[in-house]
Amino acid sequence: MSLRRTFIRSLLLGAALPVAAIAAVLPHAKLKSSLPSAGTTVAAPKELRLTFSEKIEIKIAKITLLRGTEELAALGDVAADSQATETVVIPVTKPLAAGSYTVKYRVAGPDGHPMGGSYVFSVK
């Protein structure tokens, strides 16, 4: 391999590494707040509201509600809040009995990188 070719490859590799490092640390959608809030005890909610650090791609957002290990079919379709695109609203379609519930979410921001998590709240 010629010295010129080695130099060009080294130059390209040197330019690519910082770009890859920056892409690895770019922020992704993170849960900022929720209603009901994590760890709280509330009256049976009519909807769940999850606010993320950036706009959420609604088409790939998946929110589930569990009681123990059982997934409940008590949620409507995920929709963006009309006032804040980083907030998703999910109607609760059936009354929730007293007890502990886990909200599981898997969402992606505009970069398409999926991110998930969960939190627990209780109904009195």
PDB file of N, CA and C in Angstrom:
ATOM      1  N   MET A   1       0.858  -1.173   0.000  1.00  0.00           N
ATOM      2  CA  MET A   1       0.000   0.000   0.000  1.00  0.00           C
ATOM      3  C   MET A   1       0.904   1.236   0.000  1.00  0.00           C
ATOM      4  N   SER A   2       0.551   2.203  -0.768  1.00  0.00           N
ATOM      5  CA  SER A   2       1.379   3.401  -0.894  1.00  0.00           C
ATOM      6  C   SER A   2       1.234   4.294   0.329  1.00  0.00           C
ATOM      7  N   LEU A   3       2.218   5.122   0.527  1.00  0.00           N
ATOM      8  CA  LEU A   3       2.199   6.069   1.638  1.00  0.00           C
ATOM      9  C   LEU A   3       1.014   7.021   1.517  1.00  0.00           C
ATOM     10  N   ARG A   4       0.719   7.421   0.301  1.00  0.00           N
ATOM     11  CA  ARG A   4      -0.414   8.337   0.076  1.00  0.00           C
ATOM     12  C   ARG A   4      -1.736   7.676   0.486  1.00  0.00           C
ATOM     13  N   ARG A   5      -1.923   6.419   0.086  1.00  0.00           N
ATOM     14  CA  ARG A   5      -3.148   5.696   0.431  1.00  0.00           C
ATOM     15  C   ARG A   5      -3.278   5.537   1.951  1.00  0.00           C
ATOM     16  N   THR A   6      -2.192   5.202   2.611  1.00  0.00           N
ATOM     17  CA  THR A   6      -2.188   5.067   4.064  1.00  0.00           C
ATOM     18  C   THR A   6      -2.544   6.395   4.721  1.00  0.00           C
ATOM     19  N   PHE A   7      -1.996   7.469   4.218  1.00  0.00           N
ATOM     20  CA  PHE A   7      -2.290   8.800   4.758  1.00  0.00           C
ATOM     21  C   PHE A   7      -3.774   9.134   4.598  1.00  0.00           C
ATOM     22  N   ILE A   8      -4.338   8.874   3.425  1.00  0.00           N
ATOM     23  CA  ILE A   8      -5.758   9.184   3.172  1.00  0.00           C
ATOM     24  C   ILE A   8      -6.654   8.343   4.075  1.00  0.00           C
ATOM     25  N   ARG A   9      -6.341   7.061   4.220  1.00  0.00           N
ATOM     26  CA  ARG A   9      -7.145   6.202   5.109  1.00  0.00           C
ATOM     27  C   ARG A   9      -7.071   6.694   6.555  1.00  0.00           C
ATOM     28  N   SER A  10      -5.895   7.068   6.991  1.00  0.00           N
ATOM     29  CA  SER A  10      -5.736   7.581   8.360  1.00  0.00           C
ATOM     30  C   SER A  10      -6.525   8.869   8.555  1.00  0.00           C
ATOM     31  N   LEU A  11      -6.495   9.710   7.554  1.00  0.00           N
ATOM     32  CA  LEU A  11      -7.230  10.970   7.611  1.00  0.00           C
ATOM     33  C   LEU A  11      -8.738  10.723   7.696  1.00  0.00           C
ATOM     34  N   LEU A  12      -9.240   9.808   6.875  1.00  0.00           N
ATOM     35  CA  LEU A  12     -10.674   9.485   6.890  1.00  0.00           C
ATOM     36  C   LEU A  12     -11.086   8.851   8.214  1.00  0.00           C
ATOM     37  N   LEU A  13     -10.269   7.948   8.722  1.00  0.00           N
ATOM     38  CA  LEU A  13     -10.561   7.316  10.002  1.00  0.00           C
ATOM     39  C   LEU A  13     -10.557   8.352  11.119  1.00  0.00           C
ATOM     40  N   GLY A  14      -9.604   9.244  11.089  1.00  0.00           N
ATOM     41  CA  GLY A  14      -9.534  10.307  12.095  1.00  0.00           C
ATOM     42  C   GLY A  14     -10.743  11.223  12.051  1.00  0.00           C
ATOM     43  N   ALA A  15     -11.291  11.443  10.875  1.00  0.00           N
ATOM     44  CA  ALA A  15     -12.482  12.290  10.746  1.00  0.00           C
ATOM     45  C   ALA A  15     -13.739  11.544  11.171  1.00  0.00           C
ATOM     46  N   ALA A  16     -13.775  10.235  10.964  1.00  0.00           N
ATOM     47  CA  ALA A  16     -14.973   9.449  11.273  1.00  0.00           C
ATOM     48  C   ALA A  16     -15.134   9.192  12.770  1.00  0.00           C
ATOM     49  N   LEU A  17     -14.052   9.036  13.493  1.00  0.00           N
ATOM     50  CA  LEU A  17     -14.145   8.721  14.917  1.00  0.00           C
ATOM     51  C   LEU A  17     -14.885   9.778  15.730  1.00  0.00           C
ATOM     52  N   PRO A  18     -14.593  11.064  15.589  1.00  0.00           N
ATOM     53  CA  PRO A  18     -15.354  12.055  16.363  1.00  0.00           C
ATOM     54  C   PRO A  18     -16.846  12.053  16.018  1.00  0.00           C
ATOM     55  N   VAL A  19     -17.179  11.829  14.756  1.00  0.00           N
ATOM     56  CA  VAL A  19     -18.590  11.784  14.355  1.00  0.00           C
ATOM     57  C   VAL A  19     -19.283  10.616  15.043  1.00  0.00           C
ATOM     58  N   ALA A  20     -18.649   9.448  15.072  1.00  0.00           N
ATOM     59  CA  ALA A  20     -19.228   8.279  15.734  1.00  0.00           C
ATOM     60  C   ALA A  20     -19.368   8.524  17.233  1.00  0.00           C
ATOM     61  N   ALA A  21     -18.386   9.157  17.837  1.00  0.00           N
ATOM     62  CA  ALA A  21     -18.448   9.439  19.272  1.00  0.00           C
ATOM     63  C   ALA A  21     -19.574  10.409  19.596  1.00  0.00           C
ATOM     64  N   ILE A  22     -19.752  11.422  18.771  1.00  0.00           N
ATOM     65  CA  ILE A  22     -20.832  12.391  18.994  1.00  0.00           C
ATOM     66  C   ILE A  22     -22.184  11.709  18.852  1.00  0.00           C
ATOM     67  N   ALA A  23     -22.362  10.872  17.853  1.00  0.00           N
ATOM     68  CA  ALA A  23     -23.633  10.172  17.648  1.00  0.00           C
ATOM     69  C   ALA A  23     -23.966   9.286  18.839  1.00  0.00           C
ATOM     70  N   ALA A  24     -22.951   8.706  19.464  1.00  0.00           N
ATOM     71  CA  ALA A  24     -23.182   7.815  20.597  1.00  0.00           C
ATOM     72  C   ALA A  24     -23.672   8.560  21.832  1.00  0.00           C
ATOM     73  N   VAL A  25     -23.338   9.841  21.966  1.00  0.00           N
ATOM     74  CA  VAL A  25     -23.729  10.577  23.164  1.00  0.00           C
ATOM     75  C   VAL A  25     -24.875  11.553  22.927  1.00  0.00           C
ATOM     76  N   LEU A  26     -25.419  11.588  21.724  1.00  0.00           N
ATOM     77  CA  LEU A  26     -26.556  12.477  21.483  1.00  0.00           C
ATOM     78  C   LEU A  26     -27.716  12.081  22.383  1.00  0.00           C
ATOM     79  N   PRO A  27     -28.451  13.046  22.883  1.00  0.00           N
ATOM     80  CA  PRO A  27     -29.554  12.705  23.770  1.00  0.00           C
ATOM     81  C   PRO A  27     -30.676  11.993  23.020  1.00  0.00           C
ATOM     82  N   HIS A  28     -31.309  11.075  23.713  1.00  0.00           N
ATOM     83  CA  HIS A  28     -32.478  10.383  23.190  1.00  0.00           C
ATOM     84  C   HIS A  28     -33.655  10.746  24.086  1.00  0.00           C
ATOM     85  N   ALA A  29     -34.846  10.401  23.650  1.00  0.00           N
ATOM     86  CA  ALA A  29     -36.048  10.719  24.419  1.00  0.00           C
ATOM     87  C   ALA A  29     -35.983  10.056  25.794  1.00  0.00           C
ATOM     88  N   LYS A  30     -36.106  10.852  26.825  1.00  0.00           N
ATOM     89  CA  LYS A  30     -36.121  10.348  28.201  1.00  0.00           C
ATOM     90  C   LYS A  30     -37.396  10.836  28.873  1.00  0.00           C
ATOM     91  N   LEU A  31     -37.964  10.013  29.737  1.00  0.00           N
ATOM     92  CA  LEU A  31     -39.168  10.397  30.464  1.00  0.00           C
ATOM     93  C   LEU A  31     -38.822  11.501  31.457  1.00  0.00           C
ATOM     94  N   LYS A  32     -39.502  12.648  31.336  1.00  0.00           N
ATOM     95  CA  LYS A  32     -39.290  13.776  32.250  1.00  0.00           C
ATOM     96  C   LYS A  32     -40.314  13.776  33.371  1.00  0.00           C
ATOM     97  N   SER A  33     -41.573  13.466  33.040  1.00  0.00           N
ATOM     98  CA  SER A  33     -42.621  13.463  34.059  1.00  0.00           C
ATOM     99  C   SER A  33     -43.784  12.608  33.586  1.00  0.00           C
ATOM    100  N   SER A  34     -44.654  12.285  34.526  1.00  0.00           N
ATOM    101  CA  SER A  34     -45.825  11.479  34.189  1.00  0.00           C
ATOM    102  C   SER A  34     -46.971  11.819  35.131  1.00  0.00           C
ATOM    103  N   LEU A  35     -48.174  11.590  34.642  1.00  0.00           N
ATOM    104  CA  LEU A  35     -49.389  11.697  35.452  1.00  0.00           C
ATOM    105  C   LEU A  35     -50.207  10.443  35.208  1.00  0.00           C
ATOM    106  N   PRO A  36     -50.519   9.679  36.215  1.00  0.00           N
ATOM    107  CA  PRO A  36     -50.054   9.816  37.586  1.00  0.00           C
ATOM    108  C   PRO A  36     -48.525   9.710  37.662  1.00  0.00           C
ATOM    109  N   SER A  37     -47.978  10.356  38.663  1.00  0.00           N
ATOM    110  CA  SER A  37     -46.529  10.356  38.858  1.00  0.00           C
ATOM    111  C   SER A  37     -46.070   9.034  39.454  1.00  0.00           C
ATOM    112  N   ALA A  38     -44.826   8.702  39.187  1.00  0.00           N
ATOM    113  CA  ALA A  38     -44.232   7.486  39.742  1.00  0.00           C
ATOM    114  C   ALA A  38     -44.280   7.532  41.264  1.00  0.00           C
ATOM    115  N   GLY A  39     -44.685   6.414  41.857  1.00  0.00           N
ATOM    116  CA  GLY A  39     -44.690   6.292  43.306  1.00  0.00           C
ATOM    117  C   GLY A  39     -45.854   6.929  44.032  1.00  0.00           C
ATOM    118  N   THR A  40     -46.807   7.507  43.301  1.00  0.00           N
ATOM    119  CA  THR A  40     -47.931   8.175  43.956  1.00  0.00           C
ATOM    120  C   THR A  40     -49.137   7.245  44.077  1.00  0.00           C
ATOM    121  N   THR A  41     -50.049   7.624  44.975  1.00  0.00           N
ATOM    122  CA  THR A  41     -51.334   6.937  45.116  1.00  0.00           C
ATOM    123  C   THR A  41     -52.406   7.949  44.758  1.00  0.00           C
ATOM    124  N   VAL A  42     -53.253   7.587  43.795  1.00  0.00           N
ATOM    125  CA  VAL A  42     -54.228   8.525  43.234  1.00  0.00           C
ATOM    126  C   VAL A  42     -55.591   7.858  43.097  1.00  0.00           C
ATOM    127  N   ALA A  43     -56.618   8.689  42.887  1.00  0.00           N
ATOM    128  CA  ALA A  43     -57.918   8.160  42.479  1.00  0.00           C
ATOM    129  C   ALA A  43     -57.743   7.590  41.072  1.00  0.00           C
ATOM    130  N   ALA A  44     -58.598   6.675  40.675  1.00  0.00           N
ATOM    131  CA  ALA A  44     -58.479   6.036  39.357  1.00  0.00           C
ATOM    132  C   ALA A  44     -58.380   7.097  38.259  1.00  0.00           C
ATOM    133  N   PRO A  45     -57.276   7.126  37.514  1.00  0.00           N
ATOM    134  CA  PRO A  45     -57.095   8.158  36.484  1.00  0.00           C
ATOM    135  C   PRO A  45     -57.943   7.876  35.242  1.00  0.00           C
ATOM    136  N   LYS A  46     -58.307   8.938  34.559  1.00  0.00           N
ATOM    137  CA  LYS A  46     -59.048   8.821  33.294  1.00  0.00           C
ATOM    138  C   LYS A  46     -58.091   8.755  32.104  1.00  0.00           C
ATOM    139  N   GLU A  47     -56.822   9.158  32.342  1.00  0.00           N
ATOM    140  CA  GLU A  47     -55.811   9.115  31.289  1.00  0.00           C
ATOM    141  C   GLU A  47     -54.430   9.048  31.919  1.00  0.00           C
ATOM    142  N   LEU A  48     -53.465   8.609  31.117  1.00  0.00           N
ATOM    143  CA  LEU A  48     -52.057   8.663  31.485  1.00  0.00           C
ATOM    144  C   LEU A  48     -51.417   9.731  30.616  1.00  0.00           C
ATOM    145  N   ARG A  49     -50.503  10.505  31.198  1.00  0.00           N
ATOM    146  CA  ARG A  49     -49.778  11.542  30.446  1.00  0.00           C
ATOM    147  C   ARG A  49     -48.293  11.344  30.721  1.00  0.00           C
ATOM    148  N   LEU A  50     -47.545  11.125  29.678  1.00  0.00           N
ATOM    149  CA  LEU A  50     -46.105  10.942  29.799  1.00  0.00           C
ATOM    150  C   LEU A  50     -45.416  12.041  29.002  1.00  0.00           C
ATOM    151  N   THR A  51     -44.550  12.778  29.666  1.00  0.00           N
ATOM    152  CA  THR A  51     -43.823  13.863  29.011  1.00  0.00           C
ATOM    153  C   THR A  51     -42.358  13.470  28.893  1.00  0.00           C
ATOM    154  N   PHE A  52     -41.841  13.567  27.673  1.00  0.00           N
ATOM    155  CA  PHE A  52     -40.472  13.166  27.375  1.00  0.00           C
ATOM    156  C   PHE A  52     -39.608  14.390  27.095  1.00  0.00           C
ATOM    157  N   SER A  53     -38.323  14.158  26.956  1.00  0.00           N
ATOM    158  CA  SER A  53     -37.372  15.248  26.738  1.00  0.00           C
ATOM    159  C   SER A  53     -37.402  15.788  25.311  1.00  0.00           C
ATOM    160  N   GLU A  54     -38.104  15.106  24.414  1.00  0.00           N
ATOM    161  CA  GLU A  54     -38.231  15.567  23.035  1.00  0.00           C
ATOM    162  C   GLU A  54     -39.500  14.990  22.417  1.00  0.00           C
ATOM    163  N   LYS A  55     -39.832  15.471  21.233  1.00  0.00           N
ATOM    164  CA  LYS A  55     -41.020  15.001  20.523  1.00  0.00           C
ATOM    165  C   LYS A  55     -40.935  13.487  20.329  1.00  0.00           C
ATOM    166  N   ILE A  56     -42.072  12.829  20.476  1.00  0.00           N
ATOM    167  CA  ILE A  56     -42.150  11.377  20.353  1.00  0.00           C
ATOM    168  C   ILE A  56     -42.805  11.002  19.029  1.00  0.00           C
ATOM    169  N   GLU A  57     -42.279   9.969  18.391  1.00  0.00           N
ATOM    170  CA  GLU A  57     -42.890   9.434  17.172  1.00  0.00           C
ATOM    171  C   GLU A  57     -44.069   8.552  17.591  1.00  0.00           C
ATOM    172  N   ILE A  58     -45.273   9.084  17.471  1.00  0.00           N
ATOM    173  CA  ILE A  58     -46.481   8.414  17.950  1.00  0.00           C
ATOM    174  C   ILE A  58     -46.676   7.044  17.304  1.00  0.00           C
ATOM    175  N   LYS A  59     -46.364   6.918  16.031  1.00  0.00           N
ATOM    176  CA  LYS A  59     -46.613   5.659  15.313  1.00  0.00           C
ATOM    177  C   LYS A  59     -45.861   4.471  15.903  1.00  0.00           C
ATOM    178  N   ILE A  60     -44.742   4.724  16.563  1.00  0.00           N
ATOM    179  CA  ILE A  60     -43.985   3.608  17.132  1.00  0.00           C
ATOM    180  C   ILE A  60     -44.009   3.585  18.658  1.00  0.00           C
ATOM    181  N   ALA A  61     -44.777   4.474  19.268  1.00  0.00           N
ATOM    182  CA  ALA A  61     -44.887   4.494  20.732  1.00  0.00           C
ATOM    183  C   ALA A  61     -45.766   3.334  21.195  1.00  0.00           C
ATOM    184  N   LYS A  62     -45.303   2.636  22.224  1.00  0.00           N
ATOM    185  CA  LYS A  62     -46.088   1.544  22.801  1.00  0.00           C
ATOM    186  C   LYS A  62     -46.134   1.752  24.307  1.00  0.00           C
ATOM    187  N   ILE A  63     -47.345   1.892  24.824  1.00  0.00           N
ATOM    188  CA  ILE A  63     -47.554   2.073  26.260  1.00  0.00           C
ATOM    189  C   ILE A  63     -48.453   0.932  26.726  1.00  0.00           C
ATOM    190  N   THR A  64     -48.045   0.242  27.785  1.00  0.00           N
ATOM    191  CA  THR A  64     -48.872  -0.825  28.338  1.00  0.00           C
ATOM    192  C   THR A  64     -49.060  -0.596  29.829  1.00  0.00           C
ATOM    193  N   LEU A  65     -50.153  -1.107  30.327  1.00  0.00           N
ATOM    194  CA  LEU A  65     -50.490  -0.987  31.743  1.00  0.00           C
ATOM    195  C   LEU A  65     -50.608  -2.394  32.308  1.00  0.00           C
ATOM    196  N   LEU A  66     -49.880  -2.647  33.392  1.00  0.00           N
ATOM    197  CA  LEU A  66     -49.904  -3.967  34.012  1.00  0.00           C
ATOM    198  C   LEU A  66     -50.376  -3.865  35.451  1.00  0.00           C
ATOM    199  N   ARG A  67     -51.062  -4.897  35.864  1.00  0.00           N
ATOM    200  CA  ARG A  67     -51.402  -5.068  37.278  1.00  0.00           C
ATOM    201  C   ARG A  67     -50.783  -6.393  37.669  1.00  0.00           C
ATOM    202  N   GLY A  68     -49.746  -6.342  38.472  1.00  0.00           N
ATOM    203  CA  GLY A  68     -48.940  -7.543  38.722  1.00  0.00           C
ATOM    204  C   GLY A  68     -48.213  -7.882  37.431  1.00  0.00           C
ATOM    205  N   THR A  69     -48.389  -9.102  36.952  1.00  0.00           N
ATOM    206  CA  THR A  69     -47.765  -9.511  35.691  1.00  0.00           C
ATOM    207  C   THR A  69     -48.763  -9.531  34.541  1.00  0.00           C
ATOM    208  N   GLU A  70     -50.005  -9.184  34.818  1.00  0.00           N
ATOM    209  CA  GLU A  70     -51.059  -9.229  33.800  1.00  0.00           C
ATOM    210  C   GLU A  70     -51.181  -7.895  33.064  1.00  0.00           C
ATOM    211  N   GLU A  71     -51.076  -7.944  31.738  1.00  0.00           N
ATOM    212  CA  GLU A  71     -51.268  -6.740  30.932  1.00  0.00           C
ATOM    213  C   GLU A  71     -52.760  -6.470  30.819  1.00  0.00           C
ATOM    214  N   LEU A  72     -53.152  -5.241  31.118  1.00  0.00           N
ATOM    215  CA  LEU A  72     -54.563  -4.869  31.075  1.00  0.00           C
ATOM    216  C   LEU A  72     -54.915  -4.262  29.728  1.00  0.00           C
ATOM    217  N   ALA A  73     -56.096  -4.580  29.245  1.00  0.00           N
ATOM    218  CA  ALA A  73     -56.599  -3.979  27.999  1.00  0.00           C
ATOM    219  C   ALA A  73     -57.456  -2.781  28.376  1.00  0.00           C
ATOM    220  N   ALA A  74     -56.888  -1.884  29.151  1.00  0.00           N
ATOM    221  CA  ALA A  74     -57.650  -0.752  29.677  1.00  0.00           C
ATOM    222  C   ALA A  74     -57.193   0.579  29.105  1.00  0.00           C
ATOM    223  N   LEU A  75     -56.356   0.542  28.064  1.00  0.00           N
ATOM    224  CA  LEU A  75     -55.833   1.783  27.504  1.00  0.00           C
ATOM    225  C   LEU A  75     -56.300   1.974  26.069  1.00  0.00           C
ATOM    226  N   GLY A  76     -56.567   3.238  25.731  1.00  0.00           N
ATOM    227  CA  GLY A  76     -56.899   3.596  24.358  1.00  0.00           C
ATOM    228  C   GLY A  76     -55.628   3.846  23.564  1.00  0.00           C
ATOM    229  N   ASP A  77     -55.787   4.445  22.403  1.00  0.00           N
ATOM    230  CA  ASP A  77     -54.651   4.726  21.521  1.00  0.00           C
ATOM    231  C   ASP A  77     -53.787   5.865  22.053  1.00  0.00           C
ATOM    232  N   VAL A  78     -52.495   5.746  21.835  1.00  0.00           N
ATOM    233  CA  VAL A  78     -51.535   6.787  22.203  1.00  0.00           C
ATOM    234  C   VAL A  78     -51.712   7.965  21.248  1.00  0.00           C
ATOM    235  N   ALA A  79     -51.786   9.173  21.810  1.00  0.00           N
ATOM    236  CA  ALA A  79     -51.928  10.383  20.986  1.00  0.00           C
ATOM    237  C   ALA A  79     -50.996  11.461  21.526  1.00  0.00           C
ATOM    238  N   ALA A  80     -50.590  12.358  20.651  1.00  0.00           N
ATOM    239  CA  ALA A  80     -49.774  13.497  21.075  1.00  0.00           C
ATOM    240  C   ALA A  80     -50.676  14.542  21.707  1.00  0.00           C
ATOM    241  N   ASP A  81     -50.192  15.190  22.746  1.00  0.00           N
ATOM    242  CA  ASP A  81     -50.909  16.307  23.346  1.00  0.00           C
ATOM    243  C   ASP A  81     -50.953  17.436  22.321  1.00  0.00           C
ATOM    244  N   SER A  82     -52.089  18.061  22.171  1.00  0.00           N
ATOM    245  CA  SER A  82     -52.227  19.118  21.161  1.00  0.00           C
ATOM    246  C   SER A  82     -51.403  20.360  21.497  1.00  0.00           C
ATOM    247  N   GLN A  83     -51.044  20.535  22.752  1.00  0.00           N
ATOM    248  CA  GLN A  83     -50.276  21.710  23.168  1.00  0.00           C
ATOM    249  C   GLN A  83     -48.775  21.446  23.284  1.00  0.00           C
ATOM    250  N   ALA A  84     -48.386  20.172  23.441  1.00  0.00           N
ATOM    251  CA  ALA A  84     -46.972  19.852  23.660  1.00  0.00           C
ATOM    252  C   ALA A  84     -46.641  18.523  22.984  1.00  0.00           C
ATOM    253  N   THR A  85     -45.890  18.565  21.887  1.00  0.00           N
ATOM    254  CA  THR A  85     -45.618  17.344  21.117  1.00  0.00           C
ATOM    255  C   THR A  85     -44.702  16.360  21.834  1.00  0.00           C
ATOM    256  N   GLU A  86     -44.075  16.775  22.927  1.00  0.00           N
ATOM    257  CA  GLU A  86     -43.252  15.836  23.680  1.00  0.00           C
ATOM    258  C   GLU A  86     -44.069  15.082  24.731  1.00  0.00           C
ATOM    259  N   THR A  87     -45.361  15.389  24.822  1.00  0.00           N
ATOM    260  CA  THR A  87     -46.254  14.719  25.769  1.00  0.00           C
ATOM    261  C   THR A  87     -47.207  13.805  25.016  1.00  0.00           C
ATOM    262  N   VAL A  88     -47.320  12.563  25.512  1.00  0.00           N
ATOM    263  CA  VAL A  88     -48.296  11.637  24.951  1.00  0.00           C
ATOM    264  C   VAL A  88     -49.421  11.440  25.962  1.00  0.00           C
ATOM    265  N   VAL A  89     -50.617  11.274  25.433  1.00  0.00           N
ATOM    266  CA  VAL A  89     -51.812  11.093  26.258  1.00  0.00           C
ATOM    267  C   VAL A  89     -52.421   9.751  25.882  1.00  0.00           C
ATOM    268  N   ILE A  90     -52.720   8.950  26.900  1.00  0.00           N
ATOM    269  CA  ILE A  90     -53.300   7.643  26.669  1.00  0.00           C
ATOM    270  C   ILE A  90     -54.559   7.535  27.523  1.00  0.00           C
ATOM    271  N   PRO A  91     -55.746   7.455  26.911  1.00  0.00           N
ATOM    272  CA  PRO A  91     -56.967   7.346  27.700  1.00  0.00           C
ATOM    273  C   PRO A  91     -57.041   5.995  28.419  1.00  0.00           C
ATOM    274  N   VAL A  92     -57.532   6.031  29.648  1.00  0.00           N
ATOM    275  CA  VAL A  92     -57.819   4.800  30.392  1.00  0.00           C
ATOM    276  C   VAL A  92     -59.279   4.484  30.098  1.00  0.00           C
ATOM    277  N   THR A  93     -59.529   3.384  29.411  1.00  0.00           N
ATOM    278  CA  THR A  93     -60.866   3.091  28.890  1.00  0.00           C
ATOM    279  C   THR A  93     -61.750   2.300  29.848  1.00  0.00           C
ATOM    280  N   LYS A  94     -61.146   1.739  30.896  1.00  0.00           N
ATOM    281  CA  LYS A  94     -61.914   0.986  31.894  1.00  0.00           C
ATOM    282  C   LYS A  94     -61.504   1.471  33.276  1.00  0.00           C
ATOM    283  N   PRO A  95     -62.447   1.516  34.221  1.00  0.00           N
ATOM    284  CA  PRO A  95     -62.086   1.953  35.577  1.00  0.00           C
ATOM    285  C   PRO A  95     -61.028   1.022  36.184  1.00  0.00           C
ATOM    286  N   LEU A  96     -60.063   1.613  36.865  1.00  0.00           N
ATOM    287  CA  LEU A  96     -59.020   0.831  37.515  1.00  0.00           C
ATOM    288  C   LEU A  96     -59.389   0.591  38.969  1.00  0.00           C
ATOM    289  N   ALA A  97     -59.317  -0.662  39.399  1.00  0.00           N
ATOM    290  CA  ALA A  97     -59.588  -1.017  40.791  1.00  0.00           C
ATOM    291  C   ALA A  97     -58.408  -0.583  41.657  1.00  0.00           C
ATOM    292  N   ALA A  98     -58.646  -0.513  42.957  1.00  0.00           N
ATOM    293  CA  ALA A  98     -57.573  -0.167  43.890  1.00  0.00           C
ATOM    294  C   ALA A  98     -56.436  -1.173  43.748  1.00  0.00           C
ATOM    295  N   GLY A  99     -55.214  -0.678  43.832  1.00  0.00           N
ATOM    296  CA  GLY A  99     -54.049  -1.554  43.739  1.00  0.00           C
ATOM    297  C   GLY A  99     -52.886  -0.868  43.058  1.00  0.00           C
ATOM    298  N   SER A 100     -51.848  -1.642  42.830  1.00  0.00           N
ATOM    299  CA  SER A 100     -50.613  -1.135  42.236  1.00  0.00           C
ATOM    300  C   SER A 100     -50.583  -1.449  40.740  1.00  0.00           C
ATOM    301  N   TYR A 101     -50.135  -0.473  39.937  1.00  0.00           N
ATOM    302  CA  TYR A 101     -50.080  -0.606  38.478  1.00  0.00           C
ATOM    303  C   TYR A 101     -48.697  -0.204  37.978  1.00  0.00           C
ATOM    304  N   THR A 102     -48.256  -0.882  36.940  1.00  0.00           N
ATOM    305  CA  THR A 102     -46.988  -0.554  36.291  1.00  0.00           C
ATOM    306  C   THR A 102     -47.272  -0.052  34.886  1.00  0.00           C
ATOM    307  N   VAL A 103     -46.723   1.102  34.559  1.00  0.00           N
ATOM    308  CA  VAL A 103     -46.805   1.646  33.203  1.00  0.00           C
ATOM    309  C   VAL A 103     -45.476   1.316  32.527  1.00  0.00           C
ATOM    310  N   LYS A 104     -45.545   0.595  31.415  1.00  0.00           N
ATOM    311  CA  LYS A 104     -44.349   0.294  30.623  1.00  0.00           C
ATOM    312  C   LYS A 104     -44.438   1.081  29.327  1.00  0.00           C
ATOM    313  N   TYR A 105     -43.320   1.659  28.918  1.00  0.00           N
ATOM    314  CA  TYR A 105     -43.320   2.440  27.681  1.00  0.00           C
ATOM    315  C   TYR A 105     -42.094   2.109  26.846  1.00  0.00           C
ATOM    316  N   ARG A 106     -42.294   2.195  25.553  1.00  0.00           N
ATOM    317  CA  ARG A 106     -41.212   2.075  24.571  1.00  0.00           C
ATOM    318  C   ARG A 106     -41.516   3.107  23.501  1.00  0.00           C
ATOM    319  N   VAL A 107     -40.637   4.079  23.382  1.00  0.00           N
ATOM    320  CA  VAL A 107     -40.856   5.206  22.475  1.00  0.00           C
ATOM    321  C   VAL A 107     -39.572   5.509  21.708  1.00  0.00           C
ATOM    322  N   ALA A 108     -39.697   6.380  20.727  1.00  0.00           N
ATOM    323  CA  ALA A 108     -38.533   6.869  19.994  1.00  0.00           C
ATOM    324  C   ALA A 108     -38.763   8.331  19.665  1.00  0.00           C
ATOM    325  N   GLY A 109     -37.686   9.081  19.691  1.00  0.00           N
ATOM    326  CA  GLY A 109     -37.741  10.482  19.286  1.00  0.00           C
ATOM    327  C   GLY A 109     -37.515  10.584  17.788  1.00  0.00           C
ATOM    328  N   PRO A 110     -37.311  11.788  17.297  1.00  0.00           N
ATOM    329  CA  PRO A 110     -37.102  11.998  15.864  1.00  0.00           C
ATOM    330  C   PRO A 110     -35.899  11.243  15.288  1.00  0.00           C
ATOM    331  N   ASP A 111     -34.917  10.915  16.141  1.00  0.00           N
ATOM    332  CA  ASP A 111     -33.751  10.177  15.646  1.00  0.00           C
ATOM    333  C   ASP A 111     -34.049   8.699  15.427  1.00  0.00           C
ATOM    334  N   GLY A 112     -35.226   8.238  15.880  1.00  0.00           N
ATOM    335  CA  GLY A 112     -35.631   6.854  15.676  1.00  0.00           C
ATOM    336  C   GLY A 112     -35.044   5.869  16.666  1.00  0.00           C
ATOM    337  N   HIS A 113     -34.206   6.334  17.586  1.00  0.00           N
ATOM    338  CA  HIS A 113     -33.586   5.439  18.567  1.00  0.00           C
ATOM    339  C   HIS A 113     -34.611   5.055  19.634  1.00  0.00           C
ATOM    340  N   PRO A 114     -34.926   3.756  19.780  1.00  0.00           N
ATOM    341  CA  PRO A 114     -35.926   3.352  20.770  1.00  0.00           C
ATOM    342  C   PRO A 114     -35.390   3.455  22.193  1.00  0.00           C
ATOM    343  N   MET A 115     -36.278   3.788  23.108  1.00  0.00           N
ATOM    344  CA  MET A 115     -35.951   3.911  24.516  1.00  0.00           C
ATOM    345  C   MET A 115     -37.162   3.437  25.304  1.00  0.00           C
ATOM    346  N   GLY A 116     -36.940   2.698  26.351  1.00  0.00           N
ATOM    347  CA  GLY A 116     -38.064   2.204  27.135  1.00  0.00           C
ATOM    348  C   GLY A 116     -37.807   2.324  28.618  1.00  0.00           C
ATOM    349  N   GLY A 117     -38.849   2.085  29.368  1.00  0.00           N
ATOM    350  CA  GLY A 117     -38.757   2.128  30.812  1.00  0.00           C
ATOM    351  C   GLY A 117     -40.107   1.811  31.419  1.00  0.00           C
ATOM    352  N   SER A 118     -40.185   1.973  32.714  1.00  0.00           N
ATOM    353  CA  SER A 118     -41.443   1.718  33.411  1.00  0.00           C
ATOM    354  C   SER A 118     -41.461   2.491  34.721  1.00  0.00           C
ATOM    355  N   TYR A 119     -42.653   2.632  35.253  1.00  0.00           N
ATOM    356  CA  TYR A 119     -42.814   3.217  36.581  1.00  0.00           C
ATOM    357  C   TYR A 119     -44.094   2.673  37.192  1.00  0.00           C
ATOM    358  N   VAL A 120     -44.207   2.818  38.505  1.00  0.00           N
ATOM    359  CA  VAL A 120     -45.335   2.259  39.247  1.00  0.00           C
ATOM    360  C   VAL A 120     -46.105   3.376  39.925  1.00  0.00           C
ATOM    361  N   PHE A 121     -47.437   3.252  39.918  1.00  0.00           N
ATOM    362  CA  PHE A 121     -48.305   4.119  40.711  1.00  0.00           C
ATOM    363  C   PHE A 121     -49.392   3.238  41.306  1.00  0.00           C
ATOM    364  N   SER A 122     -50.108   3.776  42.281  1.00  0.00           N
ATOM    365  CA  SER A 122     -51.182   3.018  42.922  1.00  0.00           C
ATOM    366  C   SER A 122     -52.493   3.767  42.834  1.00  0.00           C
ATOM    367  N   VAL A 123     -53.577   3.003  42.814  1.00  0.00           N
ATOM    368  CA  VAL A 123     -54.930   3.559  42.826  1.00  0.00           C
ATOM    369  C   VAL A 123     -55.526   3.246  44.189  1.00  0.00           C
ATOM    370  N   LYS A 124     -56.140   4.283  44.796  1.00  0.00           N
ATOM    371  CA  LYS A 124     -56.745   4.078  46.120  1.00  0.00           C
ATOM    372  C   LYS A 124     -58.198   3.686  46.002  1.00  0.00           C
TER     373      LYS A 124
END
